[in-house]
Amino acid sequence: MAKTFKGGLHIDDHKSITASIPISFAEGSDIHVFPLQQHIGAPIEPVVKVGDSVKVGDLIADNPEAFMCVPLHSSVSGVVKAIEPRVHTSGAKVTSIIIENDKLYEKSENLLPKNPDNMTSQEIIKVIRDAGIIGMGGAGFPTHVKLSPSADKKITHVIVNGAECEPYLTSDHRRLLEIPETVIDGLQIVMKALNLKEGYIGIELNKKDAIEVIKKHAPENIKIVSLKTKYPQGAEKQLIYAICGKQVPSGGLPADAGVIVLNVDTVTQISKTFRTGMPLIERIVTMSGDCFNEPKNLLVRMGTSFNDLINICGGFSKQPQKLISGGPMMGIAQYTTDVHVIKTTSAILALSDTGDTFENGSVCIRCGKCVEKCPMKLMPLYLNKFARKEDFESAVKYNILDCIECGICSYLCPGLQSPLVNIRLAKQKIIEHRRKNQK
């Protein structure tokens, strides 16, 4: 029987557009742009300067003194042409390292495979940190930090998140189908680092072919868990409840429940780093929606231009009304195609019908649908009200910081409200206020 959580809903996943399309490799751009903002945590600084020559896998930015931080590496060989602000997928201008690609793709001499069997937990975690590996399914949380919980937190479960519940996205699905052995290898390396004898891989039932493939490759100590197809089944707290029956405490992290969750791409990269020495320099990007002439699942070098990826897909068959980096529920709409792939770019969606029905000045009709379906058991109608009034004290009292920003409240709202927009802004202001007080 498929496992699941309370709340959430089944929505049209649109995955058939690319689910059967194998991964293909995208050629690099002439110019690669590497924004320094690619993960949650401390900022990084360039360790190269204009005019420097770099090779594939070379370190180009880091902040070794900060724990909540990972380095950045070049995905191409060439010359550093500039270090200047460029448009980031968040919409802001971010200091970026611009490298002219010489198309030779010479690899760094420092890339050596490593045997995790001969390493301690701390040594394994350091390799993961130095490879620049982060959570590649969402927010970009540094993986080595996840794998280094405080001594009072006993980790009992490690889960690979293969749910991929966001509509349109199929990159994890293709990974599981095409290279299941690397997913399993990466998970086993993490299990050794955490001294765990068992691991879990959770996959939604709309990927039955992936479930069968991964079962054939998995050893007995890795359990494959079938999950009900429901959004947001892939959210960490919902996945933990479905598989382990544990609840992450309010304001807490998965480690507080004794669980660590890693994305399919993240464990794949861990395997690749140990077996080849290559740091995180590429990822799969799903190119989907109803506007591409040729939708694809592309293996893309970091820093590649969105414009080049659009051209690889044959351009647009019709003018998109919205271009989104990521999924339609939690992704970020782009106002320009002059942006570049970063570590958290899971998809580029080009949509002709955005489905947006929000109206300024609309009112909540108090139907309760957002409360009924909220996967975090919150009250979005009140959080929306407090956020609009900037009544942050009440918002915190109603646990606004527990919101995972899944977007169900906005998706369902018959009153044409957009609670997520207001809640997200309020959360940012509350967090900024707390940081200022801490300083």
Protein backbone atom coordinates (compact mmCIF):
# COMPACT_ATOMS: atom_id res chain seq x y z
CA MET A 1 0.00 0.00 0.00
CA ALA A 2 1.34 3.42 -0.98
CA LYS A 3 2.29 5.67 1.92
CA THR A 4 1.37 9.33 2.22
CA PHE A 5 0.58 12.22 4.57
CA LYS A 6 -2.51 14.15 5.62
CA GLY A 7 -3.49 17.12 3.48
CA GLY A 8 -2.22 18.07 0.04
CA LEU A 9 -3.99 17.25 -3.20
CA HIS A 10 -3.61 15.55 -6.55
CA ILE A 11 -3.07 18.01 -9.38
CA ASP A 12 -2.41 17.47 -13.09
CA ASP A 13 1.30 16.70 -13.22
CA HIS A 14 1.93 17.32 -16.97
CA LYS A 15 4.89 14.92 -16.71
CA SER A 16 3.99 13.03 -19.89
CA ILE A 17 5.60 15.84 -21.92
CA THR A 18 9.14 14.75 -20.96
CA ALA A 19 8.83 11.57 -18.83
CA SER A 20 9.77 9.30 -21.74
CA ILE A 21 12.54 11.54 -23.13
CA PRO A 22 16.04 10.26 -22.23
CA ILE A 23 18.67 12.59 -20.80
CA SER A 24 20.77 14.29 -23.48
CA PHE A 25 23.87 16.43 -23.05
CA ALA A 26 23.76 20.17 -23.74
CA GLU A 27 26.81 21.84 -25.23
CA GLY A 28 28.22 24.69 -23.19
CA SER A 29 27.66 28.37 -23.96
CA ASP A 30 30.31 30.69 -25.38
CA ILE A 31 30.17 32.63 -22.12
CA HIS A 32 29.40 30.98 -18.77
CA VAL A 33 28.12 33.08 -15.90
CA PHE A 34 28.55 31.83 -12.32
CA PRO A 35 26.53 33.84 -9.78
CA LEU A 36 28.09 33.70 -6.31
CA GLN A 37 24.64 33.19 -4.77
CA GLN A 38 23.87 29.48 -5.27
CA HIS A 39 23.13 28.07 -1.81
CA ILE A 40 21.54 28.91 1.52
CA GLY A 41 24.07 30.15 4.06
CA ALA A 42 27.20 32.28 4.17
CA PRO A 43 28.29 34.14 1.01
CA ILE A 44 31.32 33.10 -1.01
CA GLU A 45 34.03 35.25 -2.59
CA PRO A 46 36.01 34.82 -5.84
CA VAL A 47 39.37 33.10 -5.57
CA VAL A 48 40.16 33.93 -9.19
CA LYS A 49 40.71 37.28 -10.84
CA VAL A 50 40.10 38.73 -14.29
CA GLY A 51 42.57 37.25 -16.77
CA ASP A 52 43.07 33.95 -14.93
CA SER A 53 42.90 30.72 -16.90
CA VAL A 54 40.74 27.95 -15.43
CA LYS A 55 39.98 24.33 -16.20
CA VAL A 56 36.90 22.15 -15.65
CA GLY A 57 36.57 21.47 -11.93
CA ASP A 58 38.84 24.31 -10.80
CA LEU A 59 37.82 26.21 -7.66
CA ILE A 60 36.63 29.72 -8.54
CA ALA A 61 34.91 30.92 -5.33
CA ASP A 62 34.80 29.91 -1.65
CA ASN A 63 34.59 31.04 1.96
CA PRO A 64 36.53 28.35 3.85
CA GLU A 65 36.07 30.02 7.23
CA ALA A 66 32.26 29.68 7.12
CA PHE A 67 30.61 26.38 8.03
CA MET A 68 27.26 27.08 6.30
CA CYS A 69 28.91 27.49 2.94
CA VAL A 70 30.12 25.50 -0.08
CA PRO A 71 32.60 26.39 -2.83
CA LEU A 72 31.90 27.00 -6.51
CA HIS A 73 33.79 25.39 -9.40
CA SER A 74 34.16 26.10 -13.09
CA SER A 75 32.23 23.83 -15.46
CA VAL A 76 34.35 24.87 -18.47
CA SER A 77 37.93 25.67 -19.35
CA GLY A 78 38.78 29.18 -20.47
CA VAL A 79 39.60 32.66 -19.20
CA VAL A 80 37.94 34.78 -16.53
CA LYS A 81 36.69 37.80 -18.48
CA ALA A 82 34.92 39.73 -15.72
CA ILE A 83 33.62 39.68 -12.16
CA GLU A 84 30.52 41.85 -12.12
CA PRO A 85 26.79 41.91 -11.26
CA ARG A 86 24.55 39.83 -13.53
CA VAL A 87 20.85 38.92 -13.36
CA HIS A 88 20.23 35.92 -11.09
CA THR A 89 17.22 33.56 -11.35
CA SER A 90 15.90 35.21 -8.17
CA GLY A 91 15.41 38.39 -10.22
CA ALA A 92 18.15 40.33 -8.43
CA LYS A 93 21.57 41.30 -9.78
CA VAL A 94 24.27 39.21 -8.10
CA THR A 95 28.06 39.40 -8.30
CA SER A 96 29.07 36.76 -10.85
CA ILE A 97 32.22 35.29 -12.35
CA ILE A 98 32.13 35.41 -16.15
CA ILE A 99 34.26 32.83 -17.98
CA GLU A 100 34.84 32.71 -21.73
CA ASN A 101 34.52 29.06 -22.75
CA ASP A 102 37.39 27.87 -24.95
CA LYS A 103 35.35 24.72 -25.79
CA LEU A 104 38.36 22.48 -24.98
CA TYR A 105 36.94 21.35 -21.62
CA GLU A 106 40.37 20.56 -20.18
CA LYS A 107 39.98 19.00 -16.75
CA SER A 108 41.74 20.18 -13.61
CA GLU A 109 44.77 18.10 -12.58
CA ASN A 110 43.40 18.05 -9.01
CA LEU A 111 40.48 15.71 -9.79
CA LEU A 112 41.17 12.34 -8.22
CA PRO A 113 38.74 9.56 -7.25
CA LYS A 114 38.44 8.72 -3.57
CA ASN A 115 37.57 5.48 -1.81
CA PRO A 116 34.94 6.11 0.89
CA ASP A 117 35.59 2.62 2.33
CA ASN A 118 38.95 3.85 3.60
CA MET A 119 37.65 7.13 5.01
CA THR A 120 36.16 8.26 8.30
CA SER A 121 32.76 9.97 8.50
CA GLN A 122 34.40 13.37 8.85
CA GLU A 123 36.63 12.75 5.84
CA ILE A 124 33.64 11.74 3.71
CA ILE A 125 31.72 14.84 4.77
CA LYS A 126 34.71 17.07 3.98
CA VAL A 127 34.93 15.64 0.45
CA ILE A 128 31.23 16.43 -0.02
CA ARG A 129 31.74 19.98 1.24
CA ASP A 130 34.82 20.61 -0.93
CA ALA A 131 32.90 19.37 -4.00
CA GLY A 132 30.33 22.15 -3.54
CA ILE A 133 27.43 19.72 -3.13
CA ILE A 134 24.08 21.11 -1.98
CA GLY A 135 20.44 20.04 -1.95
CA MET A 136 19.60 20.16 -5.66
CA GLY A 137 15.87 19.68 -5.33
CA GLY A 138 14.91 23.03 -3.85
CA ALA A 139 16.41 25.56 -1.49
CA GLY A 140 20.08 24.63 -1.89
CA PHE A 141 20.93 23.64 1.70
CA PRO A 142 24.65 22.65 2.00
CA THR A 143 24.79 18.85 2.13
CA HIS A 144 27.76 18.65 4.49
CA VAL A 145 25.78 20.68 7.04
CA LYS A 146 22.87 18.23 6.79
CA LEU A 147 25.28 15.39 7.39
CA SER A 148 26.78 17.09 10.47
CA PRO A 149 23.94 17.27 13.01
CA SER A 150 24.74 18.25 16.58
CA ALA A 151 25.71 15.48 18.99
CA ASP A 152 22.31 15.54 20.72
CA LYS A 153 20.53 14.52 17.48
CA LYS A 154 20.65 10.78 16.80
CA ILE A 155 20.05 10.10 13.12
CA THR A 156 18.07 6.89 12.56
CA HIS A 157 16.90 7.25 8.94
CA VAL A 158 18.33 8.60 5.69
CA ILE A 159 15.88 9.02 2.80
CA VAL A 160 16.50 9.70 -0.88
CA ASN A 161 13.65 11.86 -2.13
CA GLY A 162 12.55 10.44 -5.47
CA ALA A 163 8.97 11.69 -5.19
CA GLU A 164 9.47 14.61 -7.61
CA CYS A 165 5.95 15.85 -6.94
CA GLU A 166 6.20 19.22 -8.73
CA PRO A 167 4.27 19.25 -12.02
CA TYR A 168 6.30 19.05 -15.27
CA LEU A 169 9.59 18.02 -13.60
CA THR A 170 11.02 14.66 -14.75
CA SER A 171 14.78 14.94 -14.16
CA ASP A 172 14.76 12.71 -11.04
CA HIS A 173 12.56 10.20 -12.85
CA ARG A 174 15.06 9.93 -15.68
CA ARG A 175 17.98 9.60 -13.24
CA LEU A 176 16.26 6.70 -11.50
CA LEU A 177 15.54 5.00 -14.83
CA GLU A 178 18.84 5.58 -16.61
CA ILE A 179 21.52 5.48 -13.89
CA PRO A 180 19.98 3.83 -10.81
CA GLU A 181 23.34 2.42 -9.74
CA THR A 182 24.75 5.91 -9.04
CA VAL A 183 21.72 6.81 -6.90
CA ILE A 184 22.24 3.68 -4.82
CA ASP A 185 26.02 4.19 -4.64
CA GLY A 186 25.60 7.77 -3.42
CA LEU A 187 23.10 6.65 -0.78
CA GLN A 188 25.48 3.94 0.44
CA ILE A 189 28.28 6.50 0.81
CA VAL A 190 25.97 8.68 2.93
CA MET A 191 24.94 5.65 5.00
CA LYS A 192 28.61 4.99 5.77
CA ALA A 193 29.14 8.61 6.77
CA LEU A 194 26.15 8.41 9.14
CA ASN A 195 26.95 4.88 10.34
CA LEU A 196 23.53 3.60 9.28
CA LYS A 197 22.81 0.09 8.13
CA GLU A 198 19.61 0.90 6.21
CA GLY A 199 18.55 3.55 3.73
CA TYR A 200 15.27 4.45 2.05
CA ILE A 201 14.27 5.69 -1.40
CA GLY A 202 10.76 7.12 -1.73
CA ILE A 203 9.17 7.21 -5.19
CA GLU A 204 5.63 8.25 -6.19
CA LEU A 205 3.39 5.72 -7.91
CA ASN A 206 3.24 7.77 -11.11
CA LYS A 207 6.79 6.48 -11.69
CA LYS A 208 6.13 2.73 -11.50
CA ASP A 209 8.82 2.04 -14.10
CA ALA A 210 11.40 3.78 -11.91
CA ILE A 211 10.24 1.82 -8.86
CA GLU A 212 10.78 -1.46 -10.70
CA VAL A 213 14.20 -0.46 -12.04
CA ILE A 214 15.51 0.77 -8.71
CA LYS A 215 14.23 -2.36 -6.93
CA LYS A 216 16.27 -4.53 -9.31
CA HIS A 217 19.47 -2.65 -8.44
CA ALA A 218 18.94 -2.05 -4.72
CA PRO A 219 20.57 -4.34 -2.14
CA GLU A 220 18.50 -5.69 0.76
CA ASN A 221 19.50 -2.91 3.16
CA ILE A 222 17.99 -0.21 0.90
CA LYS A 223 14.20 -0.11 1.12
CA ILE A 224 12.15 1.21 -1.80
CA VAL A 225 8.98 2.89 -0.55
CA SER A 226 6.04 3.50 -2.90
CA LEU A 227 4.33 6.83 -2.23
CA LYS A 228 0.88 8.04 -3.16
CA THR A 229 0.92 10.49 -6.04
CA LYS A 230 0.00 13.71 -4.29
CA TYR A 231 1.42 17.21 -4.02
CA PRO A 232 3.58 18.06 -2.05
CA GLN A 233 4.63 14.46 -1.33
CA GLY A 234 8.26 15.42 -1.96
CA ALA A 235 8.37 18.09 0.75
CA GLU A 236 10.80 16.94 3.45
CA LYS A 237 8.40 16.95 6.39
CA GLN A 238 5.64 15.19 4.44
CA LEU A 239 8.09 12.60 3.10
CA ILE A 240 9.41 11.90 6.59
CA TYR A 241 5.92 11.39 7.97
CA ALA A 242 4.94 9.10 5.09
CA ILE A 243 8.00 6.87 5.30
CA CYS A 244 8.98 6.98 8.98
CA GLY A 245 5.79 8.07 10.72
CA LYS A 246 7.79 10.83 12.42
CA GLN A 247 6.83 14.49 12.71
CA VAL A 248 9.39 17.27 12.51
CA PRO A 249 8.73 19.64 15.43
CA SER A 250 7.50 23.16 14.72
CA GLY A 251 10.44 25.37 13.83
CA GLY A 252 12.70 22.32 13.62
CA LEU A 253 14.71 20.55 10.95
CA PRO A 254 14.48 16.90 9.80
CA ALA A 255 17.50 16.11 11.98
CA ASP A 256 15.36 17.01 15.01
CA ALA A 257 13.25 13.97 14.12
CA GLY A 258 16.35 11.83 13.55
CA VAL A 259 16.04 11.91 9.75
CA ILE A 260 18.12 13.25 6.86
CA VAL A 261 16.54 13.70 3.42
CA LEU A 262 18.60 14.03 0.24
CA ASN A 263 17.55 14.64 -3.36
CA VAL A 264 18.17 12.12 -6.16
CA ASP A 265 20.54 14.53 -7.93
CA THR A 266 22.42 15.17 -4.68
CA VAL A 267 23.24 11.51 -3.98
CA THR A 268 24.08 11.03 -7.67
CA GLN A 269 26.61 13.84 -7.42
CA ILE A 270 28.07 12.34 -4.23
CA SER A 271 28.70 9.11 -6.14
CA LYS A 272 30.21 10.99 -9.07
CA THR A 273 32.52 13.01 -6.82
CA PHE A 274 33.94 9.94 -5.07
CA ARG A 275 34.26 7.81 -8.21
CA THR A 276 35.73 10.49 -10.50
CA GLY A 277 36.85 13.37 -8.30
CA MET A 278 34.60 15.81 -10.19
CA PRO A 279 32.88 18.48 -8.07
CA LEU A 280 29.36 19.71 -8.73
CA ILE A 281 29.56 21.35 -12.15
CA GLU A 282 26.45 20.07 -13.94
CA ARG A 283 22.84 19.03 -13.36
CA ILE A 284 19.78 17.83 -15.26
CA VAL A 285 17.32 20.54 -16.29
CA THR A 286 13.83 19.61 -17.50
CA MET A 287 12.81 21.83 -20.44
CA SER A 288 9.02 21.58 -20.52
CA GLY A 289 5.72 23.35 -21.00
CA ASP A 290 3.57 23.79 -24.08
CA CYS A 291 5.80 26.32 -25.85
CA PHE A 292 9.00 24.39 -26.67
CA ASN A 293 9.29 22.84 -30.11
CA GLU A 294 11.33 19.98 -28.60
CA PRO A 295 10.91 19.49 -24.82
CA LYS A 296 13.94 17.73 -23.30
CA ASN A 297 15.74 16.52 -20.20
CA LEU A 298 19.17 18.12 -20.58
CA LEU A 299 22.39 17.47 -18.68
CA VAL A 300 23.65 21.04 -18.39
CA ARG A 301 26.94 22.62 -17.31
CA MET A 302 26.57 25.25 -14.59
CA GLY A 303 26.60 28.79 -15.94
CA THR A 304 24.96 27.85 -19.26
CA SER A 305 22.67 30.51 -20.71
CA PHE A 306 18.90 29.97 -20.64
CA ASN A 307 18.88 31.36 -24.21
CA ASP A 308 21.18 28.59 -25.41
CA LEU A 309 19.06 25.89 -23.76
CA ILE A 310 15.94 27.34 -25.39
CA ASN A 311 17.69 27.15 -28.77
CA ILE A 312 18.74 23.53 -28.12
CA CYS A 313 15.02 22.79 -27.70
CA GLY A 314 14.29 24.29 -31.11
CA GLY A 315 13.04 27.58 -29.73
CA PHE A 316 9.40 28.35 -28.99
CA SER A 317 6.47 27.02 -31.00
CA LYS A 318 4.42 29.91 -29.62
CA GLN A 319 5.09 32.91 -27.46
CA PRO A 320 5.19 31.92 -23.77
CA GLN A 321 3.20 34.02 -21.34
CA LYS A 322 5.42 32.91 -18.48
CA LEU A 323 8.95 31.50 -18.21
CA ILE A 324 9.66 29.79 -14.89
CA SER A 325 12.89 28.59 -13.33
CA GLY A 326 11.81 25.48 -11.42
CA GLY A 327 8.33 24.02 -11.05
CA PRO A 328 5.05 25.91 -11.49
CA MET A 329 4.13 25.67 -7.81
CA MET A 330 7.40 26.74 -6.16
CA GLY A 331 9.52 28.05 -9.02
CA ILE A 332 10.35 31.67 -9.84
CA ALA A 333 8.97 33.48 -12.89
CA GLN A 334 11.69 35.11 -15.01
CA TYR A 335 11.45 38.55 -16.57
CA THR A 336 14.34 37.86 -18.97
CA THR A 337 15.95 34.86 -20.67
CA ASP A 338 19.38 36.43 -20.08
CA VAL A 339 19.94 34.31 -16.97
CA HIS A 340 22.09 31.26 -16.35
CA VAL A 341 21.83 27.78 -14.84
CA ILE A 342 22.79 27.51 -11.17
CA LYS A 343 22.94 24.52 -8.82
CA THR A 344 19.21 24.73 -7.97
CA THR A 345 17.88 25.12 -11.54
CA SER A 346 15.75 21.99 -11.79
CA ALA A 347 13.65 23.08 -14.79
CA ILE A 348 12.88 25.79 -17.29
CA LEU A 349 9.16 25.92 -18.06
CA ALA A 350 7.66 27.89 -20.94
CA LEU A 351 3.89 28.20 -20.55
CA SER A 352 1.35 29.84 -22.85
CA ASP A 353 -1.52 29.57 -20.35
CA THR A 354 -0.27 30.60 -16.93
CA GLY A 355 -3.49 29.74 -15.12
CA ASP A 356 -3.12 32.90 -13.02
CA THR A 357 -6.54 34.08 -11.88
CA PHE A 358 -5.49 36.29 -8.97
CA GLU A 359 -7.16 39.68 -8.68
CA ASN A 360 -6.01 42.73 -6.80
CA GLY A 361 -8.61 43.74 -4.25
CA SER A 362 -10.21 40.30 -4.12
CA VAL A 363 -11.47 39.13 -0.74
CA CYS A 364 -11.28 35.89 1.20
CA ILE A 365 -14.66 34.10 1.13
CA ARG A 366 -13.65 31.93 4.13
CA CYS A 367 -14.39 28.66 2.37
CA GLY A 368 -11.69 26.87 4.37
CA LYS A 369 -10.19 24.99 1.41
CA CYS A 370 -6.70 26.28 2.16
CA VAL A 371 -6.96 25.04 5.76
CA GLU A 372 -8.32 21.65 4.71
CA LYS A 373 -5.53 20.94 2.22
CA CYS A 374 -2.55 22.67 3.89
CA PRO A 375 0.08 19.92 4.32
CA MET A 376 1.50 21.72 7.37
CA LYS A 377 -1.90 22.00 9.11
CA LEU A 378 -1.66 25.79 9.14
CA MET A 379 -4.40 28.39 8.61
CA PRO A 380 -3.32 30.21 5.42
CA LEU A 381 -6.37 32.53 5.41
CA TYR A 382 -5.25 34.05 8.73
CA LEU A 383 -1.57 34.04 7.79
CA ASN A 384 -2.50 35.93 4.62
CA LYS A 385 -4.49 38.45 6.65
CA PHE A 386 -1.67 39.01 9.16
CA ALA A 387 0.90 39.27 6.37
CA ARG A 388 -1.07 41.94 4.50
CA LYS A 389 -1.43 43.98 7.70
CA GLU A 390 2.23 43.35 8.63
CA ASP A 391 1.02 41.98 11.94
CA PHE A 392 4.11 39.83 12.26
CA GLU A 393 3.59 39.04 15.94
CA SER A 394 0.28 37.32 15.18
CA ALA A 395 1.75 35.65 12.09
CA VAL A 396 4.52 34.08 14.17
CA LYS A 397 1.96 33.00 16.78
CA TYR A 398 0.11 31.17 14.00
CA ASN A 399 3.39 29.47 12.94
CA ILE A 400 3.97 31.29 9.66
CA LEU A 401 7.61 30.16 9.64
CA ASP A 402 6.45 26.54 9.38
CA CYS A 403 4.96 27.29 5.94
CA ILE A 404 6.85 25.31 3.27
CA GLU A 405 5.60 27.66 0.51
CA CYS A 406 4.07 24.80 -1.49
CA GLY A 407 1.50 27.14 -3.07
CA ILE A 408 -1.57 24.96 -2.52
CA CYS A 409 -3.43 27.81 -0.81
CA SER A 410 -3.03 30.07 -3.85
CA TYR A 411 -3.72 27.23 -6.28
CA LEU A 412 -7.04 26.36 -4.61
CA CYS A 413 -8.36 29.79 -3.65
CA PRO A 414 -11.84 30.39 -5.19
CA GLY A 415 -11.73 33.93 -3.81
CA LEU A 416 -8.89 34.71 -6.26
CA GLN A 417 -6.51 35.57 -3.42
CA SER A 418 -2.78 34.86 -3.56
CA PRO A 419 -1.88 33.94 0.03
CA LEU A 420 1.52 32.51 -0.89
CA VAL A 421 2.85 35.82 -2.20
CA ASN A 422 1.97 37.66 1.01
CA ILE A 423 3.09 34.82 3.30
CA ARG A 424 6.44 34.54 1.53
CA LEU A 425 7.10 38.27 1.84
CA ALA A 426 6.12 38.25 5.51
CA LYS A 427 8.44 35.34 6.23
CA GLN A 428 11.33 37.17 4.61
CA LYS A 429 10.68 40.29 6.68
CA ILE A 430 10.39 38.29 9.93
CA ILE A 431 13.65 36.45 9.23
CA GLU A 432 15.45 39.69 8.29
CA HIS A 433 14.19 41.35 11.49
CA ARG A 434 15.46 38.44 13.60
CA ARG A 435 18.88 38.56 11.92
CA LYS A 436 19.20 42.27 12.63
CA ASN A 437 18.33 41.68 16.29
CA GLN A 438 20.90 38.88 16.52
CA LYS A 439 23.58 41.14 15.11
